[in-house]
Amino acid sequence: MKEIDLVIDTEEIAEFFYKELAKRGYIPCEEEIFEIADITFDYLLEKCMIDEELDDEC
């Protein structure tokens, strides 16, 4: 199986969930949407679908 590079960040996940929830009539607050994004990111890590890479920028 070929390995590919894929970049996913929690801000991008948060924006996606916000748009999709808004389409369905749900408007979560900013704190809630970032919690959902963090949970989703953790789920992808737990299922070994992604690997976490930390930025070297400080």
Protein backbone atom coordinates (compact mmCIF):
# COMPACT_ATOMS: atom_id res chain seq x y z
CA MET A 1 0.00 0.00 0.00
CA LYS A 2 1.30 3.44 -0.94
CA GLU A 3 1.82 6.01 1.82
CA ILE A 4 0.67 9.57 1.20
CA ASP A 5 1.21 12.81 3.10
CA LEU A 6 -1.96 14.35 4.45
CA VAL A 7 -2.12 17.45 6.61
CA ILE A 8 -5.09 17.84 8.95
CA ASP A 9 -5.35 20.44 11.66
CA THR A 10 -8.01 20.98 14.29
CA GLU A 11 -8.89 24.44 12.97
CA GLU A 12 -9.75 22.95 9.58
CA ILE A 13 -11.82 20.24 11.27
CA ALA A 14 -13.61 22.88 13.39
CA GLU A 15 -14.51 24.93 10.32
CA PHE A 16 -15.84 21.83 8.54
CA PHE A 17 -18.00 20.77 11.49
CA TYR A 18 -19.30 24.31 12.01
CA LYS A 19 -20.42 24.56 8.38
CA GLU A 20 -22.00 21.11 8.39
CA LEU A 21 -23.78 21.65 11.73
CA ALA A 22 -25.04 25.07 10.56
CA LYS A 23 -26.52 23.44 7.43
CA ARG A 24 -28.45 21.13 9.77
CA GLY A 25 -29.69 23.95 11.97
CA TYR A 26 -27.21 23.65 14.84
CA ILE A 27 -25.06 26.62 15.81
CA PRO A 28 -22.49 25.56 18.41
CA CYS A 29 -20.38 28.13 20.22
CA GLU A 30 -16.68 28.43 19.36
CA GLU A 31 -15.59 26.45 22.44
CA GLU A 32 -17.93 23.57 21.58
CA ILE A 33 -16.81 23.35 17.98
CA PHE A 34 -13.12 23.24 18.92
CA GLU A 35 -13.88 20.48 21.45
CA ILE A 36 -15.56 18.49 18.66
CA ALA A 37 -12.53 19.09 16.43
CA ASP A 38 -10.13 17.92 19.16
CA ILE A 39 -12.21 14.80 19.76
CA THR A 40 -12.26 14.05 16.03
CA PHE A 41 -8.48 14.50 15.78
CA ASP A 42 -7.96 12.21 18.79
CA TYR A 43 -10.25 9.61 17.19
CA LEU A 44 -8.21 9.64 13.97
CA LEU A 45 -5.02 9.21 16.01
CA GLU A 46 -6.49 6.37 18.06
CA LYS A 47 -7.61 4.51 14.92
CA CYS A 48 -4.10 4.98 13.44
CA MET A 49 -5.55 6.83 10.48
CA ILE A 50 -3.12 9.72 11.03
CA ASP A 51 0.15 10.38 12.86
CA GLU A 52 0.65 13.51 14.89
CA GLU A 53 3.55 15.71 13.89
CA LEU A 54 4.43 18.68 16.05
CA ASP A 55 5.48 21.95 14.42
CA ASP A 56 9.05 23.01 15.06
CA GLU A 57 7.97 26.65 14.97
CA CYS A 58 8.27 28.39 18.34
